[in-house]
Amino acid sequence: MERMRDILPALPQSREVMPAALATALAWKLAAGPELADRAEVRACRAGVLLLHAADTATRAQIEAVTPELLRALNRILPCRQIQFVP
């Protein structure tokens, strides 16, 4: 997992609320870890469903195999109850 000192510079510098897309992408990266997260693109998180585009079928299979663990980790940051793959 990446160290916080590596992630913090990418966060918004103002005290405004973090944009939802950035919060979702950050939550995915923290939950999945950098290697797996870099092989799947977060498209959105809508109504508790994380929409992902997997780089290939092997990545999709790997994510599906650990979905319960990913959802537990994601729920520590965002309310997310399902992962759905999109083109």
N, C-alpha and C. Protein backbone atom coordinates (compact mmCIF):
# COMPACT_ATOMS: atom_id res chain seq x y z
N MET A 1 0.84 -1.17 0.00
CA MET A 1 0.00 0.00 0.00
C MET A 1 0.89 1.24 0.00
N GLU A 2 0.44 2.26 -0.70
CA GLU A 2 1.22 3.48 -0.76
C GLU A 2 1.25 4.17 0.60
N ARG A 3 2.31 4.90 0.82
CA ARG A 3 2.41 5.66 2.07
C ARG A 3 1.63 6.96 1.94
N MET A 4 1.09 7.40 3.04
CA MET A 4 0.29 8.63 3.03
C MET A 4 1.08 9.82 2.53
N ARG A 5 2.36 9.86 2.81
CA ARG A 5 3.16 11.01 2.34
C ARG A 5 3.22 11.05 0.82
N ASP A 6 3.00 9.91 0.16
CA ASP A 6 2.98 9.87 -1.31
C ASP A 6 1.62 10.26 -1.86
N ILE A 7 0.57 10.04 -1.08
CA ILE A 7 -0.79 10.32 -1.53
C ILE A 7 -1.20 11.76 -1.23
N LEU A 8 -0.80 12.28 -0.08
CA LEU A 8 -1.25 13.59 0.36
C LEU A 8 -0.98 14.72 -0.63
N PRO A 9 0.16 14.77 -1.32
CA PRO A 9 0.37 15.88 -2.25
C PRO A 9 -0.67 15.94 -3.37
N ALA A 10 -1.32 14.82 -3.69
CA ALA A 10 -2.31 14.81 -4.76
C ALA A 10 -3.68 15.31 -4.30
N LEU A 11 -3.88 15.45 -3.00
CA LEU A 11 -5.17 15.90 -2.50
C LEU A 11 -5.32 17.41 -2.69
N PRO A 12 -6.56 17.87 -2.80
CA PRO A 12 -6.79 19.32 -2.95
C PRO A 12 -6.18 20.08 -1.78
N GLN A 13 -5.62 21.24 -2.07
CA GLN A 13 -4.96 22.03 -1.04
C GLN A 13 -5.92 22.90 -0.23
N SER A 14 -7.10 23.17 -0.78
CA SER A 14 -8.03 24.02 -0.05
C SER A 14 -8.77 23.21 1.01
N ARG A 15 -9.52 23.89 1.83
CA ARG A 15 -10.29 23.21 2.86
C ARG A 15 -11.69 22.86 2.35
N GLU A 16 -11.92 22.99 1.06
CA GLU A 16 -13.20 22.64 0.48
C GLU A 16 -13.37 21.12 0.51
N VAL A 17 -14.59 20.69 0.32
CA VAL A 17 -14.88 19.26 0.28
C VAL A 17 -14.19 18.65 -0.94
N MET A 18 -13.62 17.48 -0.75
CA MET A 18 -12.95 16.79 -1.84
C MET A 18 -13.98 16.40 -2.90
N PRO A 19 -13.69 16.63 -4.17
CA PRO A 19 -14.62 16.21 -5.22
C PRO A 19 -14.88 14.71 -5.13
N ALA A 20 -16.12 14.32 -5.42
CA ALA A 20 -16.53 12.93 -5.30
C ALA A 20 -15.67 12.00 -6.14
N ALA A 21 -15.33 12.41 -7.35
CA ALA A 21 -14.52 11.55 -8.23
C ALA A 21 -13.14 11.30 -7.63
N LEU A 22 -12.54 12.32 -7.03
CA LEU A 22 -11.23 12.16 -6.42
C LEU A 22 -11.33 11.28 -5.18
N ALA A 23 -12.36 11.48 -4.38
CA ALA A 23 -12.55 10.66 -3.18
C ALA A 23 -12.74 9.19 -3.55
N THR A 24 -13.51 8.94 -4.60
CA THR A 24 -13.75 7.57 -5.04
C THR A 24 -12.47 6.93 -5.56
N ALA A 25 -11.72 7.65 -6.37
CA ALA A 25 -10.47 7.12 -6.91
C ALA A 25 -9.47 6.84 -5.79
N LEU A 26 -9.39 7.73 -4.82
CA LEU A 26 -8.49 7.54 -3.69
C LEU A 26 -8.92 6.33 -2.85
N ALA A 27 -10.21 6.21 -2.60
CA ALA A 27 -10.71 5.06 -1.83
C ALA A 27 -10.40 3.75 -2.55
N TRP A 28 -10.56 3.73 -3.86
CA TRP A 28 -10.25 2.52 -4.64
C TRP A 28 -8.77 2.18 -4.52
N LYS A 29 -7.93 3.18 -4.67
CA LYS A 29 -6.48 2.94 -4.61
C LYS A 29 -6.06 2.42 -3.23
N LEU A 30 -6.63 2.97 -2.19
CA LEU A 30 -6.30 2.52 -0.84
C LEU A 30 -6.84 1.12 -0.57
N ALA A 31 -8.04 0.82 -1.04
CA ALA A 31 -8.65 -0.49 -0.79
C ALA A 31 -7.99 -1.59 -1.60
N ALA A 32 -7.71 -1.32 -2.87
CA ALA A 32 -7.19 -2.35 -3.76
C ALA A 32 -5.68 -2.47 -3.72
N GLY A 33 -5.00 -1.42 -3.31
CA GLY A 33 -3.55 -1.40 -3.39
C GLY A 33 -3.13 -0.92 -4.76
N PRO A 34 -1.95 -0.34 -4.87
CA PRO A 34 -1.55 0.32 -6.11
C PRO A 34 -1.46 -0.61 -7.32
N GLU A 35 -0.99 -1.82 -7.13
CA GLU A 35 -0.82 -2.72 -8.29
C GLU A 35 -2.16 -3.08 -8.92
N LEU A 36 -3.10 -3.52 -8.12
CA LEU A 36 -4.42 -3.88 -8.64
C LEU A 36 -5.19 -2.64 -9.07
N ALA A 37 -5.13 -1.59 -8.28
CA ALA A 37 -5.87 -0.36 -8.59
C ALA A 37 -5.44 0.23 -9.92
N ASP A 38 -4.17 0.12 -10.26
CA ASP A 38 -3.68 0.68 -11.52
C ASP A 38 -4.15 -0.09 -12.74
N ARG A 39 -4.70 -1.29 -12.53
CA ARG A 39 -5.18 -2.10 -13.65
C ARG A 39 -6.69 -2.02 -13.84
N ALA A 40 -7.35 -1.17 -13.03
CA ALA A 40 -8.78 -0.97 -13.17
C ALA A 40 -9.08 0.52 -12.97
N GLU A 41 -9.85 1.06 -13.87
CA GLU A 41 -10.17 2.48 -13.83
C GLU A 41 -11.53 2.70 -13.16
N VAL A 42 -11.55 3.56 -12.18
CA VAL A 42 -12.81 3.91 -11.53
C VAL A 42 -13.57 4.85 -12.46
N ARG A 43 -14.80 4.47 -12.77
CA ARG A 43 -15.64 5.32 -13.62
C ARG A 43 -16.55 6.20 -12.77
N ALA A 44 -17.09 5.62 -11.68
CA ALA A 44 -17.97 6.39 -10.79
C ALA A 44 -18.37 5.51 -9.61
N CYS A 45 -19.01 6.15 -8.65
CA CYS A 45 -19.64 5.43 -7.56
C CYS A 45 -21.04 6.02 -7.45
N ARG A 46 -22.04 5.22 -7.78
CA ARG A 46 -23.42 5.70 -7.79
C ARG A 46 -24.28 4.79 -6.93
N ALA A 47 -24.98 5.38 -5.99
CA ALA A 47 -25.91 4.65 -5.14
C ALA A 47 -25.27 3.40 -4.53
N GLY A 48 -24.03 3.53 -4.10
CA GLY A 48 -23.35 2.42 -3.45
C GLY A 48 -22.75 1.39 -4.38
N VAL A 49 -22.75 1.68 -5.68
CA VAL A 49 -22.17 0.76 -6.67
C VAL A 49 -20.93 1.40 -7.27
N LEU A 50 -19.79 0.74 -7.10
CA LEU A 50 -18.54 1.21 -7.67
C LEU A 50 -18.45 0.69 -9.10
N LEU A 51 -18.37 1.59 -10.06
CA LEU A 51 -18.28 1.22 -11.47
C LEU A 51 -16.82 1.21 -11.87
N LEU A 52 -16.34 0.06 -12.32
CA LEU A 52 -14.94 -0.11 -12.70
C LEU A 52 -14.81 -0.59 -14.13
N HIS A 53 -13.74 -0.17 -14.77
CA HIS A 53 -13.35 -0.72 -16.07
C HIS A 53 -12.04 -1.46 -15.84
N ALA A 54 -12.07 -2.78 -16.00
CA ALA A 54 -10.87 -3.59 -15.81
C ALA A 54 -10.04 -3.59 -17.09
N ALA A 55 -8.73 -3.57 -16.93
CA ALA A 55 -7.82 -3.52 -18.07
C ALA A 55 -7.92 -4.77 -18.94
N ASP A 56 -8.23 -5.92 -18.31
CA ASP A 56 -8.31 -7.17 -19.06
C ASP A 56 -9.11 -8.18 -18.25
N THR A 57 -9.37 -9.35 -18.84
CA THR A 57 -10.18 -10.36 -18.16
C THR A 57 -9.49 -10.92 -16.92
N ALA A 58 -8.17 -11.00 -16.95
CA ALA A 58 -7.44 -11.50 -15.79
C ALA A 58 -7.60 -10.55 -14.60
N THR A 59 -7.54 -9.27 -14.86
CA THR A 59 -7.74 -8.28 -13.79
C THR A 59 -9.15 -8.37 -13.25
N ARG A 60 -10.11 -8.48 -14.15
CA ARG A 60 -11.50 -8.60 -13.70
C ARG A 60 -11.68 -9.84 -12.82
N ALA A 61 -11.11 -10.95 -13.23
CA ALA A 61 -11.21 -12.18 -12.44
C ALA A 61 -10.55 -12.02 -11.07
N GLN A 62 -9.42 -11.34 -11.04
CA GLN A 62 -8.73 -11.12 -9.78
C GLN A 62 -9.57 -10.25 -8.84
N ILE A 63 -10.18 -9.21 -9.38
CA ILE A 63 -11.03 -8.33 -8.57
C ILE A 63 -12.25 -9.10 -8.07
N GLU A 64 -12.86 -9.89 -8.96
CA GLU A 64 -14.03 -10.67 -8.55
C GLU A 64 -13.68 -11.66 -7.44
N ALA A 65 -12.48 -12.20 -7.47
CA ALA A 65 -12.05 -13.17 -6.46
C ALA A 65 -11.91 -12.54 -5.08
N VAL A 66 -11.60 -11.27 -5.02
CA VAL A 66 -11.40 -10.60 -3.72
C VAL A 66 -12.44 -9.52 -3.45
N THR A 67 -13.55 -9.57 -4.16
CA THR A 67 -14.58 -8.54 -4.00
C THR A 67 -15.04 -8.37 -2.56
N PRO A 68 -15.31 -9.43 -1.81
CA PRO A 68 -15.75 -9.20 -0.41
C PRO A 68 -14.73 -8.41 0.41
N GLU A 69 -13.45 -8.72 0.24
CA GLU A 69 -12.41 -8.00 0.97
C GLU A 69 -12.32 -6.54 0.49
N LEU A 70 -12.44 -6.35 -0.81
CA LEU A 70 -12.39 -4.98 -1.34
C LEU A 70 -13.56 -4.15 -0.82
N LEU A 71 -14.74 -4.74 -0.79
CA LEU A 71 -15.91 -4.00 -0.30
C LEU A 71 -15.77 -3.65 1.18
N ARG A 72 -15.22 -4.56 1.97
CA ARG A 72 -15.00 -4.24 3.39
C ARG A 72 -14.03 -3.06 3.52
N ALA A 73 -12.96 -3.08 2.74
CA ALA A 73 -11.99 -1.98 2.80
C ALA A 73 -12.59 -0.68 2.27
N LEU A 74 -13.34 -0.75 1.18
CA LEU A 74 -13.96 0.45 0.63
C LEU A 74 -14.96 1.06 1.60
N ASN A 75 -15.70 0.22 2.30
CA ASN A 75 -16.71 0.71 3.22
C ASN A 75 -16.14 1.45 4.42
N ARG A 76 -14.86 1.32 4.65
CA ARG A 76 -14.23 2.12 5.70
C ARG A 76 -14.10 3.57 5.27
N ILE A 77 -14.17 3.80 3.95
CA ILE A 77 -13.98 5.13 3.40
C ILE A 77 -15.24 5.68 2.74
N LEU A 78 -15.87 4.84 1.92
CA LEU A 78 -17.07 5.22 1.17
C LEU A 78 -18.16 4.18 1.36
N PRO A 79 -19.42 4.59 1.31
CA PRO A 79 -20.48 3.59 1.35
C PRO A 79 -20.54 2.88 -0.01
N CYS A 80 -20.10 1.66 -0.04
CA CYS A 80 -20.04 0.91 -1.29
C CYS A 80 -20.43 -0.53 -1.01
N ARG A 81 -21.47 -1.01 -1.66
CA ARG A 81 -21.95 -2.36 -1.37
C ARG A 81 -21.81 -3.31 -2.55
N GLN A 82 -21.38 -2.78 -3.69
CA GLN A 82 -21.29 -3.63 -4.88
C GLN A 82 -20.24 -3.06 -5.83
N ILE A 83 -19.60 -3.97 -6.57
CA ILE A 83 -18.69 -3.57 -7.65
C ILE A 83 -19.29 -4.07 -8.94
N GLN A 84 -19.37 -3.18 -9.91
CA GLN A 84 -19.93 -3.53 -11.22
C GLN A 84 -18.90 -3.15 -12.28
N PHE A 85 -18.71 -4.01 -13.26
CA PHE A 85 -17.78 -3.73 -14.34
C PHE A 85 -18.50 -3.10 -15.52
N VAL A 86 -17.87 -2.10 -16.09
CA VAL A 86 -18.43 -1.38 -17.24
C VAL A 86 -17.36 -1.35 -18.34
N PRO A 87 -17.83 -1.19 -19.58
CA PRO A 87 -16.85 -1.11 -20.69
C PRO A 87 -16.02 0.16 -20.65
